[in-house]
Amino acid sequence: MRILQVAAAILIAGSLSGATAAESLRADHPIIGTWKITSPDGSCYEIYRFRANGTTSVNSADEVTESEVEISDQPSPKGFYKWVDKIVRDNGKKDCSGHMSEIGHVATNYIRFHEFGERFVICDKEDLNACIGPFVRMKE
């Protein structure tokens, strides 16, 4: 569960004030699809579904959230995609770390893909020293 608690800390640390609106992603954007991250002890996992219409759903333990996202079209010179996520719906239940997400919460983080595109990490800045993962692509 520690990795998922670190994820929550990174998302909170990356918080912004203000709003974001769903922005469509190009059809071949590498983030589109379903991704899974599992806690180190295997007791809990989260499923992230990134859609081309600029929305995401996350299942974490009993919690289900929906977000509007903006993800850069191309990576930065350092190889990171900027991800701005605004939670727009939550079922009011607890996630893997025992917390509930707040509707309206906006966070900015950075995604770095493994060279083959089947895994990524989420970082609080364009630096691999403060990241969680791996998130692994699920076959659909």
Protein backbone atom coordinates (compact mmCIF):
# COMPACT_ATOMS: atom_id res chain seq x y z
CA MET A 1 0.00 0.00 0.00
CA ARG A 2 2.97 2.31 0.49
CA ILE A 3 3.32 2.90 -3.25
CA LEU A 4 -0.31 3.95 -3.45
CA GLN A 5 0.12 6.27 -0.46
CA VAL A 6 3.13 7.80 -2.21
CA ALA A 7 0.95 8.21 -5.30
CA ALA A 8 -1.59 10.15 -3.28
CA ALA A 9 1.19 12.34 -1.87
CA ILE A 10 2.55 13.05 -5.35
CA LEU A 11 -0.91 13.91 -6.66
CA ILE A 12 -1.54 16.20 -3.69
CA ALA A 13 1.91 17.79 -4.02
CA GLY A 14 1.19 18.44 -7.69
CA SER A 15 -2.06 20.24 -6.88
CA LEU A 16 -3.12 23.40 -8.66
CA SER A 17 -5.94 25.80 -8.10
CA GLY A 18 -8.18 26.46 -11.02
CA ALA A 19 -10.02 24.29 -13.46
CA THR A 20 -9.27 22.08 -16.37
CA ALA A 21 -11.54 20.86 -19.12
CA ALA A 22 -11.38 17.57 -20.92
CA GLU A 23 -9.32 17.94 -24.05
CA SER A 24 -9.37 15.25 -26.72
CA LEU A 25 -6.19 13.26 -27.21
CA ARG A 26 -4.88 12.22 -30.59
CA ALA A 27 -6.07 8.72 -31.50
CA ASP A 28 -2.58 7.20 -31.24
CA HIS A 29 -1.54 8.92 -27.98
CA PRO A 30 0.49 6.38 -25.97
CA ILE A 31 -1.53 6.95 -22.76
CA ILE A 32 -4.86 5.82 -24.25
CA GLY A 33 -5.86 2.47 -22.83
CA THR A 34 -6.11 0.66 -19.52
CA TRP A 35 -3.27 0.61 -17.00
CA LYS A 36 -2.76 -1.16 -13.67
CA ILE A 37 -0.58 -0.43 -10.66
CA THR A 38 -0.34 -2.93 -7.81
CA SER A 39 0.77 -2.25 -4.25
CA PRO A 40 4.14 -3.83 -3.38
CA ASP A 41 2.51 -6.44 -1.12
CA GLY A 42 -0.10 -7.27 -3.79
CA SER A 43 -3.01 -6.51 -1.46
CA CYS A 44 -4.57 -3.78 -3.62
CA TYR A 45 -4.42 -2.42 -7.14
CA GLU A 46 -5.70 0.51 -9.16
CA ILE A 47 -7.00 0.46 -12.72
CA TYR A 48 -6.69 3.65 -14.81
CA ARG A 49 -8.67 3.97 -18.05
CA PHE A 50 -7.50 6.84 -20.27
CA ARG A 51 -9.91 7.68 -23.09
CA ALA A 52 -9.30 9.64 -26.30
CA ASN A 53 -12.07 12.11 -25.33
CA GLY A 54 -9.87 13.48 -22.51
CA THR A 55 -11.50 11.64 -19.62
CA THR A 56 -10.18 9.05 -17.20
CA SER A 57 -11.75 6.66 -14.75
CA VAL A 58 -9.87 5.12 -11.84
CA ASN A 59 -10.90 2.12 -9.74
CA SER A 60 -9.00 1.85 -6.46
CA ALA A 61 -10.35 -0.62 -3.87
CA ASP A 62 -13.99 0.50 -3.43
CA GLU A 63 -13.48 3.97 -4.89
CA VAL A 64 -14.37 4.91 -8.47
CA THR A 65 -13.45 8.37 -9.77
CA GLU A 66 -13.89 10.15 -13.08
CA SER A 67 -11.57 12.93 -14.21
CA GLU A 68 -11.12 15.40 -17.02
CA VAL A 69 -7.54 15.37 -18.20
CA GLU A 70 -5.13 17.34 -20.32
CA ILE A 71 -2.04 15.44 -21.37
CA SER A 72 0.61 16.97 -23.60
CA ASP A 73 0.58 15.68 -27.14
CA GLN A 74 4.33 15.05 -27.24
CA PRO A 75 6.95 14.51 -24.54
CA SER A 76 9.13 17.37 -23.36
CA PRO A 77 12.85 17.37 -24.24
CA LYS A 78 13.34 15.44 -20.98
CA GLY A 79 10.90 12.74 -22.17
CA PHE A 80 7.93 13.55 -19.90
CA TYR A 81 4.29 14.15 -20.76
CA LYS A 82 2.57 16.79 -18.62
CA TRP A 83 -0.70 15.52 -17.08
CA VAL A 84 -3.30 17.85 -15.55
CA ASP A 85 -6.13 15.92 -13.89
CA LYS A 86 -9.36 17.31 -12.41
CA ILE A 87 -11.64 14.96 -10.48
CA VAL A 88 -15.24 15.52 -11.55
CA ARG A 89 -17.01 12.50 -9.99
CA ASP A 90 -16.38 10.21 -7.04
CA ASN A 91 -18.52 7.47 -5.53
CA GLY A 92 -17.66 8.52 -1.96
CA LYS A 93 -15.88 5.28 -1.04
CA LYS A 94 -12.30 4.71 0.11
CA ASP A 95 -9.34 3.95 -2.16
CA CYS A 96 -6.45 1.53 -1.61
CA SER A 97 -4.81 3.90 0.88
CA GLY A 98 -8.05 4.35 2.86
CA HIS A 99 -8.71 7.88 1.56
CA MET A 100 -11.49 9.43 -0.53
CA SER A 101 -10.82 11.76 -3.43
CA GLU A 102 -12.17 15.30 -3.43
CA ILE A 103 -14.34 16.39 -6.34
CA GLY A 104 -12.77 19.42 -7.98
CA HIS A 105 -9.22 18.50 -6.93
CA VAL A 106 -6.75 19.43 -9.69
CA ALA A 107 -3.26 17.96 -9.86
CA THR A 108 -0.37 18.32 -12.29
CA ASN A 109 2.09 15.46 -12.67
CA TYR A 110 4.44 14.09 -15.30
CA ILE A 111 4.37 10.73 -17.07
CA ARG A 112 7.47 8.97 -18.34
CA PHE A 113 7.04 5.89 -20.51
CA HIS A 114 9.36 2.91 -20.58
CA GLU A 115 11.06 2.69 -23.95
CA PHE A 116 8.57 0.13 -25.31
CA GLY A 117 5.44 2.00 -24.15
CA GLU A 118 3.95 -0.82 -22.09
CA ARG A 119 4.85 0.73 -18.72
CA PHE A 120 5.08 4.21 -17.26
CA VAL A 121 5.77 6.04 -14.02
CA ILE A 122 4.08 9.15 -12.64
CA CYS A 123 6.35 11.85 -11.22
CA ASP A 124 5.70 15.11 -9.38
CA LYS A 125 8.15 16.91 -11.67
CA GLU A 126 10.26 16.11 -14.72
CA ASP A 127 12.68 14.08 -12.63
CA LEU A 128 12.77 10.32 -12.00
CA ASN A 129 13.67 10.82 -8.31
CA ALA A 130 10.05 11.38 -7.16
CA CYS A 131 7.95 8.87 -9.06
CA ILE A 132 5.60 5.97 -8.50
CA GLY A 133 5.01 2.96 -10.67
CA PRO A 134 5.24 1.06 -12.77
CA PHE A 135 1.82 1.31 -14.32
CA VAL A 136 1.47 -1.67 -16.68
CA ARG A 137 -0.67 -1.66 -19.83
CA MET A 138 -3.50 -4.18 -19.65
CA LYS A 139 -4.52 -6.10 -22.73
CA GLU A 140 -8.11 -5.29 -23.68
